[in-house]
Each structure stands twice: as C-alpha cells, then as structure tokens.
C-alpha cells in the first residue's frame, strides 16, 4: 500500500488591516485567497499542508490542511468566501492593498485548521 506524502508550504500572511490570521486561528475564515500564479508556482494541491505565519510576528502561525482549490477570475468574485461578513468592495480594497496590481485570476484555498500558536 502506497502512502501519499503531503507537501508542506510556508506562506506569510498579514494580520493588518484585517485580522486574516486571527480569523483563521478562530476557525471563522475557512478560505485563504492567493493569486493563481502563486498557487501554481508553489504547486499547492488539495491534501497539502500550509503553515501561515504572520508577516510581522513569526511566533504567530496556523497550520492548515488544504481541503480544496476554487478558481475565481478575481478576489472580488470570491469575497463571500475570503472574508466572511464582508462585501465585494471591502474585499477588493483589502486585497488591492496586498497586491499592487490585481492578479489575472485567483484561488480561494479551502483550509482546515490543524494547529495554531497560542
């Protein structure tokens, strides 16, 4: 019987201006938005594990299982998954602050929290 080896990915995440990492740690944010280019370059796939580390504080992190990859034409199209309780305009504005030019397409990466920093 073959055992599939999971691939681990280390990704940085901001906790400002929106508490992205905190919301993942509280299991209220179940999708992480990334550009299609970034996901494909890193070869992130369902079943892989990602470590999301706060860009401003290496001691704050979340270990997550990738449950699915949902393609979207832009972050605004995925707003209801990426930031629960937000509207399209808020999501477009927040992600515009992260990406200086809007990616041509994006993925909403489904995540399941496995562990987190305290």
PDB file of N, CA and C in Angstrom:
ATOM      1  N   UNK A   1       0.842  -1.178   0.000  1.00  0.00           N
ATOM      2  CA  UNK A   1       0.000   0.000   0.000  1.00  0.00           C
ATOM      3  C   UNK A   1       0.891   1.246   0.000  1.00  0.00           C
ATOM      4  N   UNK A   2       0.616   2.168  -0.930  1.00  0.00           N
ATOM      5  CA  UNK A   2       1.399   3.403  -1.021  1.00  0.00           C
ATOM      6  C   UNK A   2       0.812   4.456  -0.102  1.00  0.00           C
ATOM      7  N   UNK A   3       1.685   5.194   0.549  1.00  0.00           N
ATOM      8  CA  UNK A   3       1.266   6.308   1.386  1.00  0.00           C
ATOM      9  C   UNK A   3       1.650   7.587   0.665  1.00  0.00           C
ATOM     10  N   UNK A   4       0.664   8.455   0.473  1.00  0.00           N
ATOM     11  CA  UNK A   4       0.933   9.720  -0.204  1.00  0.00           C
ATOM     12  C   UNK A   4       1.613  10.678   0.771  1.00  0.00           C
ATOM     13  N   UNK A   5       2.748  11.206   0.367  1.00  0.00           N
ATOM     14  CA  UNK A   5       3.472  12.166   1.179  1.00  0.00           C
ATOM     15  C   UNK A   5       2.896  13.548   0.911  1.00  0.00           C
ATOM     16  N   UNK A   6       2.479  14.210   1.956  1.00  0.00           N
ATOM     17  CA  UNK A   6       1.910  15.547   1.808  1.00  0.00           C
ATOM     18  C   UNK A   6       3.033  16.569   1.642  1.00  0.00           C
ATOM     19  N   UNK A   7       2.756  17.554   0.853  1.00  0.00           N
ATOM     20  CA  UNK A   7       3.716  18.629   0.648  1.00  0.00           C
ATOM     21  C   UNK A   7       3.381  19.767   1.615  1.00  0.00           C
ATOM     22  N   UNK A   8       4.405  20.332   2.231  1.00  0.00           N
ATOM     23  CA  UNK A   8       4.237  21.446   3.150  1.00  0.00           C
ATOM     24  C   UNK A   8       4.637  22.738   2.462  1.00  0.00           C
ATOM     25  N   UNK A   9       3.870  23.790   2.715  1.00  0.00           N
ATOM     26  CA  UNK A   9       4.125  25.101   2.130  1.00  0.00           C
ATOM     27  C   UNK A   9       4.153  26.130   3.258  1.00  0.00           C
ATOM     28  N   UNK A  10       5.143  26.995   3.240  1.00  0.00           N
ATOM     29  CA  UNK A  10       5.224  28.095   4.199  1.00  0.00           C
ATOM     30  C   UNK A  10       4.788  29.372   3.498  1.00  0.00           C
ATOM     31  N   UNK A  11       3.733  29.991   4.019  1.00  0.00           N
ATOM     32  CA  UNK A  11       3.197  31.217   3.439  1.00  0.00           C
ATOM     33  C   UNK A  11       3.119  32.297   4.508  1.00  0.00           C
ATOM     34  N   UNK A  12       3.435  33.502   4.123  1.00  0.00           N
ATOM     35  CA  UNK A  12       3.290  34.649   5.016  1.00  0.00           C
ATOM     36  C   UNK A  12       1.870  35.205   4.870  1.00  0.00           C
ATOM     37  N   UNK A  13       1.358  35.741   5.966  1.00  0.00           N
ATOM     38  CA  UNK A  13       0.013  36.318   5.959  1.00  0.00           C
ATOM     39  C   UNK A  13       0.023  37.569   6.840  1.00  0.00           C
ATOM     40  N   UNK A  14      -0.748  38.551   6.451  1.00  0.00           N
ATOM     41  CA  UNK A  14      -0.851  39.781   7.241  1.00  0.00           C
ATOM     42  C   UNK A  14      -2.001  39.643   8.241  1.00  0.00           C
ATOM     43  N   UNK A  15      -1.855  40.327   9.352  1.00  0.00           N
ATOM     44  CA  UNK A  15      -2.940  40.377  10.325  1.00  0.00           C
ATOM     45  C   UNK A  15      -3.474  41.804  10.445  1.00  0.00           C
ATOM     46  N   UNK A  16      -3.010  42.666   9.550  1.00  0.00           N
ATOM     47  CA  UNK A  16      -3.458  44.053   9.458  1.00  0.00           C
ATOM     48  C   UNK A  16      -3.590  44.398   7.981  1.00  0.00           C
ATOM     49  N   UNK A  17      -4.513  45.147   7.520  1.00  0.00           N
ATOM     50  CA  UNK A  17      -5.530  45.887   8.254  1.00  0.00           C
ATOM     51  C   UNK A  17      -6.718  45.007   8.680  1.00  0.00           C
ATOM     52  N   UNK A  18      -6.802  43.819   8.162  1.00  0.00           N
ATOM     53  CA  UNK A  18      -7.853  42.871   8.559  1.00  0.00           C
ATOM     54  C   UNK A  18      -7.180  41.708   9.281  1.00  0.00           C
ATOM     55  N   UNK A  19      -7.765  41.201  10.365  1.00  0.00           N
ATOM     56  CA  UNK A  19      -7.116  40.123  11.129  1.00  0.00           C
ATOM     57  C   UNK A  19      -7.223  38.756  10.447  1.00  0.00           C
ATOM     58  N   UNK A  20      -6.619  38.635   9.266  1.00  0.00           N
ATOM     59  CA  UNK A  20      -6.699  37.398   8.485  1.00  0.00           C
ATOM     60  C   UNK A  20      -6.276  36.177   9.300  1.00  0.00           C
ATOM     61  N   UNK A  21      -5.090  36.255   9.904  1.00  0.00           N
ATOM     62  CA  UNK A  21      -4.563  35.101  10.638  1.00  0.00           C
ATOM     63  C   UNK A  21      -5.398  34.794  11.877  1.00  0.00           C
ATOM     64  N   UNK A  22      -5.764  35.809  12.618  1.00  0.00           N
ATOM     65  CA  UNK A  22      -6.590  35.610  13.812  1.00  0.00           C
ATOM     66  C   UNK A  22      -7.901  34.924  13.455  1.00  0.00           C
ATOM     67  N   UNK A  23      -8.511  35.328  12.371  1.00  0.00           N
ATOM     68  CA  UNK A  23      -9.786  34.723  11.942  1.00  0.00           C
ATOM     69  C   UNK A  23      -9.591  33.263  11.536  1.00  0.00           C
ATOM     70  N   UNK A  24      -8.445  32.938  10.952  1.00  0.00           N
ATOM     71  CA  UNK A  24      -8.142  31.536  10.626  1.00  0.00           C
ATOM     72  C   UNK A  24      -7.936  30.750  11.915  1.00  0.00           C
ATOM     73  N   UNK A  25      -7.207  31.321  12.851  1.00  0.00           N
ATOM     74  CA  UNK A  25      -6.946  30.641  14.126  1.00  0.00           C
ATOM     75  C   UNK A  25      -8.231  30.404  14.910  1.00  0.00           C
ATOM     76  N   UNK A  26      -9.220  31.272  14.750  1.00  0.00           N
ATOM     77  CA  UNK A  26     -10.515  31.118  15.424  1.00  0.00           C
ATOM     78  C   UNK A  26     -11.494  30.288  14.598  1.00  0.00           C
ATOM     79  N   UNK A  27     -11.012  29.806  13.436  1.00  0.00           N
ATOM     80  CA  UNK A  27     -11.791  28.976  12.510  1.00  0.00           C
ATOM     81  C   UNK A  27     -13.046  29.685  11.979  1.00  0.00           C
ATOM     82  N   UNK A  28     -12.928  31.005  11.809  1.00  0.00           N
ATOM     83  CA  UNK A  28     -14.009  31.778  11.202  1.00  0.00           C
ATOM     84  C   UNK A  28     -13.703  32.112   9.746  1.00  0.00           C
ATOM     85  N   UNK A  29     -12.443  32.049   9.377  1.00  0.00           N
ATOM     86  CA  UNK A  29     -12.023  32.260   7.981  1.00  0.00           C
ATOM     87  C   UNK A  29     -11.568  30.902   7.467  1.00  0.00           C
ATOM     88  N   UNK A  30     -12.322  30.344   6.524  1.00  0.00           N
ATOM     89  CA  UNK A  30     -12.090  28.984   6.049  1.00  0.00           C
ATOM     90  C   UNK A  30     -11.472  28.926   4.660  1.00  0.00           C
ATOM     91  N   UNK A  31     -11.203  30.090   4.066  1.00  0.00           N
ATOM     92  CA  UNK A  31     -10.569  30.165   2.753  1.00  0.00           C
ATOM     93  C   UNK A  31      -9.517  31.250   2.774  1.00  0.00           C
ATOM     94  N   UNK A  32      -8.382  30.966   2.170  1.00  0.00           N
ATOM     95  CA  UNK A  32      -7.304  31.938   2.033  1.00  0.00           C
ATOM     96  C   UNK A  32      -7.165  32.277   0.557  1.00  0.00           C
ATOM     97  N   UNK A  33      -7.165  33.554   0.230  1.00  0.00           N
ATOM     98  CA  UNK A  33      -7.050  33.990  -1.152  1.00  0.00           C
ATOM     99  C   UNK A  33      -5.607  34.167  -1.578  1.00  0.00           C
ATOM    100  N   UNK A  34      -5.266  33.595  -2.707  1.00  0.00           N
ATOM    101  CA  UNK A  34      -3.920  33.747  -3.278  1.00  0.00           C
ATOM    102  C   UNK A  34      -4.036  33.855  -4.795  1.00  0.00           C
ATOM    103  N   UNK A  35      -3.059  34.507  -5.407  1.00  0.00           N
ATOM    104  CA  UNK A  35      -3.066  34.614  -6.865  1.00  0.00           C
ATOM    105  C   UNK A  35      -2.878  33.230  -7.487  1.00  0.00           C
ATOM    106  N   UNK A  36      -3.442  33.053  -8.645  1.00  0.00           N
ATOM    107  CA  UNK A  36      -3.302  31.782  -9.364  1.00  0.00           C
ATOM    108  C   UNK A  36      -1.821  31.495  -9.611  1.00  0.00           C
ATOM    109  N   UNK A  37      -1.078  32.531  -9.974  1.00  0.00           N
ATOM    110  CA  UNK A  37       0.356  32.373 -10.246  1.00  0.00           C
ATOM    111  C   UNK A  37       1.087  31.822  -9.026  1.00  0.00           C
ATOM    112  N   UNK A  38       0.808  32.364  -7.854  1.00  0.00           N
ATOM    113  CA  UNK A  38       1.461  31.924  -6.619  1.00  0.00           C
ATOM    114  C   UNK A  38       1.117  30.470  -6.301  1.00  0.00           C
ATOM    115  N   UNK A  39      -0.149  30.110  -6.426  1.00  0.00           N
ATOM    116  CA  UNK A  39      -0.593  28.739  -6.132  1.00  0.00           C
ATOM    117  C   UNK A  39       0.056  27.750  -7.097  1.00  0.00           C
ATOM    118  N   UNK A  40       0.089  28.106  -8.374  1.00  0.00           N
ATOM    119  CA  UNK A  40       0.651  27.199  -9.372  1.00  0.00           C
ATOM    120  C   UNK A  40       2.175  27.114  -9.273  1.00  0.00           C
ATOM    121  N   UNK A  41       2.851  28.222  -8.969  1.00  0.00           N
ATOM    122  CA  UNK A  41       4.311  28.176  -8.807  1.00  0.00           C
ATOM    123  C   UNK A  41       4.707  27.306  -7.624  1.00  0.00           C
ATOM    124  N   UNK A  42       3.939  27.365  -6.552  1.00  0.00           N
ATOM    125  CA  UNK A  42       4.221  26.573  -5.351  1.00  0.00           C
ATOM    126  C   UNK A  42       3.681  25.145  -5.460  1.00  0.00           C
ATOM    127  N   UNK A  43       2.872  24.910  -6.500  1.00  0.00           N
ATOM    128  CA  UNK A  43       2.254  23.594  -6.729  1.00  0.00           C
ATOM    129  C   UNK A  43       1.413  23.146  -5.532  1.00  0.00           C
ATOM    130  N   UNK A  44       0.625  24.095  -5.002  1.00  0.00           N
ATOM    131  CA  UNK A  44      -0.267  23.789  -3.882  1.00  0.00           C
ATOM    132  C   UNK A  44      -1.432  22.964  -4.401  1.00  0.00           C
ATOM    133  N   UNK A  45      -1.722  21.879  -3.697  1.00  0.00           N
ATOM    134  CA  UNK A  45      -2.797  20.970  -4.095  1.00  0.00           C
ATOM    135  C   UNK A  45      -3.625  20.593  -2.877  1.00  0.00           C
ATOM    136  N   UNK A  46      -4.835  20.146  -3.121  1.00  0.00           N
ATOM    137  CA  UNK A  46      -5.694  19.634  -2.065  1.00  0.00           C
ATOM    138  C   UNK A  46      -4.978  18.484  -1.375  1.00  0.00           C
ATOM    139  N   UNK A  47      -5.015  18.455  -0.048  1.00  0.00           N
ATOM    140  CA  UNK A  47      -4.307  17.434   0.719  1.00  0.00           C
ATOM    141  C   UNK A  47      -2.957  17.902   1.238  1.00  0.00           C
ATOM    142  N   UNK A  48      -2.424  18.998   0.667  1.00  0.00           N
ATOM    143  CA  UNK A  48      -1.166  19.567   1.161  1.00  0.00           C
ATOM    144  C   UNK A  48      -1.423  20.273   2.496  1.00  0.00           C
ATOM    145  N   UNK A  49      -0.347  20.628   3.160  1.00  0.00           N
ATOM    146  CA  UNK A  49      -0.419  21.347   4.426  1.00  0.00           C
ATOM    147  C   UNK A  49       0.273  22.692   4.245  1.00  0.00           C
ATOM    148  N   UNK A  50      -0.357  23.752   4.734  1.00  0.00           N
ATOM    149  CA  UNK A  50       0.275  25.070   4.674  1.00  0.00           C
ATOM    150  C   UNK A  50       0.457  25.615   6.086  1.00  0.00           C
ATOM    151  N   UNK A  51       1.581  26.277   6.282  1.00  0.00           N
ATOM    152  CA  UNK A  51       1.855  26.982   7.521  1.00  0.00           C
ATOM    153  C   UNK A  51       1.736  28.463   7.194  1.00  0.00           C
ATOM    154  N   UNK A  52       0.749  29.109   7.777  1.00  0.00           N
ATOM    155  CA  UNK A  52       0.536  30.536   7.575  1.00  0.00           C
ATOM    156  C   UNK A  52       1.167  31.260   8.762  1.00  0.00           C
ATOM    157  N   UNK A  53       2.168  32.089   8.489  1.00  0.00           N
ATOM    158  CA  UNK A  53       2.897  32.805   9.541  1.00  0.00           C
ATOM    159  C   UNK A  53       2.674  34.301   9.378  1.00  0.00           C
ATOM    160  N   UNK A  54       2.385  34.967  10.481  1.00  0.00           N
ATOM    161  CA  UNK A  54       2.174  36.416  10.477  1.00  0.00           C
ATOM    162  C   UNK A  54       3.440  37.102   9.971  1.00  0.00           C
ATOM    163  N   UNK A  55       3.287  37.932   8.970  1.00  0.00           N
ATOM    164  CA  UNK A  55       4.423  38.622   8.359  1.00  0.00           C
ATOM    165  C   UNK A  55       5.148  39.520   9.364  1.00  0.00           C
ATOM    166  N   UNK A  56       4.435  39.996  10.401  1.00  0.00           N
ATOM    167  CA  UNK A  56       5.035  40.899  11.381  1.00  0.00           C
ATOM    168  C   UNK A  56       5.437  40.200  12.677  1.00  0.00           C
ATOM    169  N   UNK A  57       5.069  38.906  12.822  1.00  0.00           N
ATOM    170  CA  UNK A  57       5.337  38.196  14.071  1.00  0.00           C
ATOM    171  C   UNK A  57       5.474  36.703  13.789  1.00  0.00           C
ATOM    172  N   UNK A  58       6.722  36.248  13.642  1.00  0.00           N
ATOM    173  CA  UNK A  58       6.975  34.841  13.315  1.00  0.00           C
ATOM    174  C   UNK A  58       6.449  33.854  14.356  1.00  0.00           C
ATOM    175  N   UNK A  59       6.151  34.330  15.560  1.00  0.00           N
ATOM    176  CA  UNK A  59       5.658  33.421  16.600  1.00  0.00           C
ATOM    177  C   UNK A  59       4.152  33.183  16.499  1.00  0.00           C
ATOM    178  N   UNK A  60       3.495  33.878  15.594  1.00  0.00           N
ATOM    179  CA  UNK A  60       2.055  33.714  15.382  1.00  0.00           C
ATOM    180  C   UNK A  60       1.827  32.977  14.073  1.00  0.00           C
ATOM    181  N   UNK A  61       1.181  31.797  14.143  1.00  0.00           N
ATOM    182  CA  UNK A  61       1.051  30.956  12.958  1.00  0.00           C
ATOM    183  C   UNK A  61      -0.193  30.067  13.049  1.00  0.00           C
ATOM    184  N   UNK A  62      -0.539  29.479  11.918  1.00  0.00           N
ATOM    185  CA  UNK A  62      -1.619  28.498  11.832  1.00  0.00           C
ATOM    186  C   UNK A  62      -1.187  27.409  10.861  1.00  0.00           C
ATOM    187  N   UNK A  63      -1.357  26.169  11.273  1.00  0.00           N
ATOM    188  CA  UNK A  63      -1.055  25.003  10.442  1.00  0.00           C
ATOM    189  C   UNK A  63      -2.387  24.514   9.884  1.00  0.00           C
ATOM    190  N   UNK A  64      -2.498  24.457   8.554  1.00  0.00           N
ATOM    191  CA  UNK A  64      -3.777  24.153   7.926  1.00  0.00           C
ATOM    192  C   UNK A  64      -3.655  23.092   6.828  1.00  0.00           C
ATOM    193  N   UNK A  65      -4.667  22.271   6.735  1.00  0.00           N
ATOM    194  CA  UNK A  65      -4.792  21.301   5.649  1.00  0.00           C
ATOM    195  C   UNK A  65      -5.520  21.972   4.500  1.00  0.00           C
ATOM    196  N   UNK A  66      -5.014  21.822   3.289  1.00  0.00           N
ATOM    197  CA  UNK A  66      -5.698  22.353   2.105  1.00  0.00           C
ATOM    198  C   UNK A  66      -6.805  21.370   1.744  1.00  0.00           C
ATOM    199  N   UNK A  67      -8.059  21.845   1.795  1.00  0.00           N
ATOM    200  CA  UNK A  67      -9.202  20.971   1.522  1.00  0.00           C
ATOM    201  C   UNK A  67      -9.697  21.072   0.087  1.00  0.00           C
ATOM    202  N   UNK A  68      -9.493  22.234  -0.541  1.00  0.00           N
ATOM    203  CA  UNK A  68      -9.913  22.423  -1.925  1.00  0.00           C
ATOM    204  C   UNK A  68      -9.292  23.689  -2.487  1.00  0.00           C
ATOM    205  N   UNK A  69      -9.265  23.772  -3.803  1.00  0.00           N
ATOM    206  CA  UNK A  69      -8.799  24.960  -4.513  1.00  0.00           C
ATOM    207  C   UNK A  69      -9.914  25.391  -5.459  1.00  0.00           C
ATOM    208  N   UNK A  70     -10.474  26.562  -5.207  1.00  0.00           N
ATOM    209  CA  UNK A  70     -11.560  27.062  -6.035  1.00  0.00           C
ATOM    210  C   UNK A  70     -11.062  28.234  -6.878  1.00  0.00           C
ATOM    211  N   UNK A  71     -11.098  28.112  -8.204  1.00  0.00           N
ATOM    212  CA  UNK A  71     -10.620  29.204  -9.061  1.00  0.00           C
ATOM    213  C   UNK A  71     -11.673  30.305  -9.206  1.00  0.00           C
ATOM    214  N   UNK A  72     -11.197  31.545  -9.261  1.00  0.00           N
ATOM    215  CA  UNK A  72     -12.054  32.710  -9.475  1.00  0.00           C
ATOM    216  C   UNK A  72     -11.318  33.685 -10.392  1.00  0.00           C
ATOM    217  N   UNK A  73     -12.057  34.516 -11.132  1.00  0.00           N
ATOM    218  CA  UNK A  73     -11.399  35.479 -12.018  1.00  0.00           C
ATOM    219  C   UNK A  73     -10.685  36.605 -11.256  1.00  0.00           C
ATOM    220  N   UNK A  74     -11.142  36.893 -10.017  1.00  0.00           N
ATOM    221  CA  UNK A  74     -10.522  37.947  -9.212  1.00  0.00           C
ATOM    222  C   UNK A  74     -10.961  37.792  -7.762  1.00  0.00           C
ATOM    223  N   UNK A  75     -10.326  38.541  -6.869  1.00  0.00           N
ATOM    224  CA  UNK A  75     -10.655  38.447  -5.450  1.00  0.00           C
ATOM    225  C   UNK A  75     -12.088  38.889  -5.162  1.00  0.00           C
ATOM    226  N   UNK A  76     -12.552  39.886  -5.884  1.00  0.00           N
ATOM    227  CA  UNK A  76     -13.916  40.368  -5.674  1.00  0.00           C
ATOM    228  C   UNK A  76     -14.964  39.289  -5.918  1.00  0.00           C
ATOM    229  N   UNK A  77     -14.700  38.410  -6.847  1.00  0.00           N
ATOM    230  CA  UNK A  77     -15.644  37.329  -7.152  1.00  0.00           C
ATOM    231  C   UNK A  77     -15.724  36.299  -6.032  1.00  0.00           C
ATOM    232  N   UNK A  78     -14.704  36.244  -5.202  1.00  0.00           N
ATOM    233  CA  UNK A  78     -14.641  35.256  -4.118  1.00  0.00           C
ATOM    234  C   UNK A  78     -14.872  35.900  -2.747  1.00  0.00           C
ATOM    235  N   UNK A  79     -15.376  37.137  -2.732  1.00  0.00           N
ATOM    236  CA  UNK A  79     -15.434  37.891  -1.487  1.00  0.00           C
ATOM    237  C   UNK A  79     -16.158  37.179  -0.353  1.00  0.00           C
ATOM    238  N   UNK A  80     -17.245  36.495  -0.630  1.00  0.00           N
ATOM    239  CA  UNK A  80     -18.012  35.878   0.448  1.00  0.00           C
ATOM    240  C   UNK A  80     -17.276  34.706   1.097  1.00  0.00           C
ATOM    241  N   UNK A  81     -16.318  34.106   0.380  1.00  0.00           N
ATOM    242  CA  UNK A  81     -15.503  33.041   0.952  1.00  0.00           C
ATOM    243  C   UNK A  81     -14.275  33.589   1.679  1.00  0.00           C
ATOM    244  N   UNK A  82     -13.676  34.621   1.126  1.00  0.00           N
ATOM    245  CA  UNK A  82     -12.391  35.107   1.635  1.00  0.00           C
ATOM    246  C   UNK A  82     -12.499  35.865   2.953  1.00  0.00           C
ATOM    247  N   UNK A  83     -13.517  36.688   3.089  1.00  0.00           N
ATOM    248  CA  UNK A  83     -13.690  37.453   4.319  1.00  0.00           C
ATOM    249  C   UNK A  83     -15.168  37.400   4.701  1.00  0.00           C
ATOM    250  N   UNK A  84     -15.517  36.460   5.547  1.00  0.00           N
ATOM    251  CA  UNK A  84     -16.922  36.297   5.948  1.00  0.00           C
ATOM    252  C   UNK A  84     -17.503  37.582   6.536  1.00  0.00           C
ATOM    253  N   UNK A  85     -18.724  37.890   6.133  1.00  0.00           N
ATOM    254  CA  UNK A  85     -19.400  39.077   6.639  1.00  0.00           C
ATOM    255  C   UNK A  85     -19.016  40.358   5.942  1.00  0.00           C
ATOM    256  N   UNK A  86     -18.211  40.271   4.893  1.00  0.00           N
ATOM    257  CA  UNK A  86     -17.776  41.469   4.166  1.00  0.00           C
ATOM    258  C   UNK A  86     -18.607  41.647   2.904  1.00  0.00           C
ATOM    259  N   UNK A  87     -18.327  42.729   2.215  1.00  0.00           N
ATOM    260  CA  UNK A  87     -18.949  42.909   0.907  1.00  0.00           C
ATOM    261  C   UNK A  87     -17.849  42.954  -0.158  1.00  0.00           C
ATOM    262  N   UNK A  88     -18.266  42.906  -1.377  1.00  0.00           N
ATOM    263  CA  UNK A  88     -17.319  42.834  -2.502  1.00  0.00           C
ATOM    264  C   UNK A  88     -16.325  44.000  -2.482  1.00  0.00           C
ATOM    265  N   UNK A  89     -16.827  45.213  -2.253  1.00  0.00           N
ATOM    266  CA  UNK A  89     -15.966  46.391  -2.281  1.00  0.00           C
ATOM    267  C   UNK A  89     -14.880  46.329  -1.205  1.00  0.00           C
ATOM    268  N   UNK A  90     -15.254  45.864   0.014  1.00  0.00           N
ATOM    269  CA  UNK A  90     -14.274  45.749   1.093  1.00  0.00           C
ATOM    270  C   UNK A  90     -13.161  44.773   0.724  1.00  0.00           C
ATOM    271  N   UNK A  91     -13.551  43.633   0.152  1.00  0.00           N
ATOM    272  CA  UNK A  91     -12.562  42.611  -0.207  1.00  0.00           C
ATOM    273  C   UNK A  91     -11.634  43.122  -1.300  1.00  0.00           C
ATOM    274  N   UNK A  92     -12.189  43.760  -2.312  1.00  0.00           N
ATOM    275  CA  UNK A  92     -11.370  44.302  -3.402  1.00  0.00           C
ATOM    276  C   UNK A  92     -10.376  45.316  -2.836  1.00  0.00           C
ATOM    277  N   UNK A  93     -10.831  46.175  -1.924  1.00  0.00           N
ATOM    278  CA  UNK A  93      -9.951  47.186  -1.328  1.00  0.00           C
ATOM    279  C   UNK A  93      -8.844  46.531  -0.493  1.00  0.00           C
ATOM    280  N   UNK A  94      -9.210  45.574   0.356  1.00  0.00           N
ATOM    281  CA  UNK A  94      -8.217  44.912   1.207  1.00  0.00           C
ATOM    282  C   UNK A  94      -7.164  44.172   0.393  1.00  0.00           C
ATOM    283  N   UNK A  95      -7.609  43.428  -0.624  1.00  0.00           N
ATOM    284  CA  UNK A  95      -6.643  42.682  -1.434  1.00  0.00           C
ATOM    285  C   UNK A  95      -5.836  43.599  -2.348  1.00  0.00           C
ATOM    286  N   UNK A  96      -6.399  44.748  -2.728  1.00  0.00           N
ATOM    287  CA  UNK A  96      -5.641  45.719  -3.523  1.00  0.00           C
ATOM    288  C   UNK A  96      -4.467  46.262  -2.717  1.00  0.00           C
ATOM    289  N   UNK A  97      -4.635  46.346  -1.385  1.00  0.00           N
ATOM    290  CA  UNK A  97      -3.538  46.803  -0.527  1.00  0.00           C
ATOM    291  C   UNK A  97      -2.428  45.754  -0.445  1.00  0.00           C
ATOM    292  N   UNK A  98      -2.772  44.493  -0.646  1.00  0.00           N
ATOM    293  CA  UNK A  98      -1.787  43.416  -0.591  1.00  0.00           C
ATOM    294  C   UNK A  98      -1.074  43.216  -1.923  1.00  0.00           C
ATOM    295  N   UNK A  99      -1.838  43.363  -3.009  1.00  0.00           N
ATOM    296  CA  UNK A  99      -1.295  43.179  -4.359  1.00  0.00           C
ATOM    297  C   UNK A  99      -1.326  44.533  -5.045  1.00  0.00           C
ATOM    298  N   UNK A 100      -0.185  44.988  -5.512  1.00  0.00           N
ATOM    299  CA  UNK A 100      -0.139  46.313  -6.128  1.00  0.00           C
ATOM    300  C   UNK A 100      -0.827  46.330  -7.484  1.00  0.00           C
ATOM    301  N   UNK A 101      -0.823  45.202  -8.167  1.00  0.00           N
ATOM    302  CA  UNK A 101      -1.603  45.069  -9.391  1.00  0.00           C
ATOM    303  C   UNK A 101      -2.503  43.854  -9.229  1.00  0.00           C
ATOM    304  N   UNK A 102      -3.716  43.965  -9.668  1.00  0.00           N
ATOM    305  CA  UNK A 102      -4.686  42.879  -9.488  1.00  0.00           C
ATOM    306  C   UNK A 102      -4.258  41.658 -10.306  1.00  0.00           C
ATOM    307  N   UNK A 103      -4.206  40.482  -9.665  1.00  0.00           N
ATOM    308  CA  UNK A 103      -3.868  39.260 -10.403  1.00  0.00           C
ATOM    309  C   UNK A 103      -4.939  38.961 -11.456  1.00  0.00           C
ATOM    310  N   UNK A 104      -4.528  38.299 -12.524  1.00  0.00           N
ATOM    311  CA  UNK A 104      -5.473  37.961 -13.584  1.00  0.00           C
ATOM    312  C   UNK A 104      -6.505  36.946 -13.119  1.00  0.00           C
ATOM    313  N   UNK A 105      -6.116  36.042 -12.239  1.00  0.00           N
ATOM    314  CA  UNK A 105      -7.065  35.108 -11.647  1.00  0.00           C
ATOM    315  C   UNK A 105      -6.517  34.651 -10.302  1.00  0.00           C
ATOM    316  N   UNK A 106      -7.413  34.125  -9.472  1.00  0.00           N
ATOM    317  CA  UNK A 106      -7.047  33.797  -8.100  1.00  0.00           C
ATOM    318  C   UNK A 106      -7.643  32.457  -7.692  1.00  0.00           C
ATOM    319  N   UNK A 107      -7.167  31.960  -6.566  1.00  0.00           N
ATOM    320  CA  UNK A 107      -7.746  30.776  -5.942  1.00  0.00           C
ATOM    321  C   UNK A 107      -8.216  31.132  -4.540  1.00  0.00           C
ATOM    322  N   UNK A 108      -9.354  30.598  -4.174  1.00  0.00           N
ATOM    323  CA  UNK A 108      -9.776  30.565  -2.779  1.00  0.00           C
ATOM    324  C   UNK A 108      -9.343  29.183  -2.310  1.00  0.00           C
ATOM    325  N   UNK A 109      -8.375  29.151  -1.408  1.00  0.00           N
ATOM    326  CA  UNK A 109      -7.828  27.894  -0.908  1.00  0.00           C
ATOM    327  C   UNK A 109      -8.620  27.499   0.338  1.00  0.00           C
ATOM    328  N   UNK A 110      -9.359  26.401   0.236  1.00  0.00           N
ATOM    329  CA  UNK A 110     -10.094  25.902   1.385  1.00  0.00           C
ATOM    330  C   UNK A 110      -9.114  25.362   2.407  1.00  0.00           C
ATOM    331  N   UNK A 111      -9.285  25.764   3.676  1.00  0.00           N
ATOM    332  CA  UNK A 111      -8.351  25.342   4.716  1.00  0.00           C
ATOM    333  C   UNK A 111      -9.094  24.793   5.929  1.00  0.00           C
ATOM    334  N   UNK A 112      -8.465  23.819   6.549  1.00  0.00           N
ATOM    335  CA  UNK A 112      -8.950  23.255   7.806  1.00  0.00           C
ATOM    336  C   UNK A 112      -7.832  23.419   8.824  1.00  0.00           C
ATOM    337  N   UNK A 113      -8.117  24.096   9.919  1.00  0.00           N
ATOM    338  CA  UNK A 113      -7.103  24.348  10.941  1.00  0.00           C
ATOM    339  C   UNK A 113      -6.694  23.035  11.614  1.00  0.00           C
ATOM    340  N   UNK A 114      -5.395  22.776  11.650  1.00  0.00           N
ATOM    341  CA  UNK A 114      -4.849  21.607  12.314  1.00  0.00           C
ATOM    342  C   UNK A 114      -4.212  21.949  13.653  1.00  0.00           C
ATOM    343  N   UNK A 115      -3.551  23.119  13.711  1.00  0.00           N
ATOM    344  CA  UNK A 115      -2.860  23.554  14.923  1.00  0.00           C
ATOM    345  C   UNK A 115      -2.612  25.058  14.795  1.00  0.00           C
ATOM    346  N   UNK A 116      -2.306  25.690  15.913  1.00  0.00           N
ATOM    347  CA  UNK A 116      -2.047  27.143  15.899  1.00  0.00           C
ATOM    348  C   UNK A 116      -1.152  27.511  17.054  1.00  0.00           C
ATOM    349  N   UNK A 117      -0.550  28.699  16.941  1.00  0.00           N
ATOM    350  CA  UNK A 117       0.232  29.227  18.044  1.00  0.00           C
ATOM    351  C   UNK A 117      -0.717  29.681  19.137  1.00  0.00           C
ATOM    352  N   UNK A 118      -0.197  29.751  20.336  1.00  0.00           N
ATOM    353  CA  UNK A 118      -1.063  30.157  21.450  1.00  0.00           C
ATOM    354  C   UNK A 118      -0.980  31.638  21.731  1.00  0.00           C
TER     355      UNK A 118
END
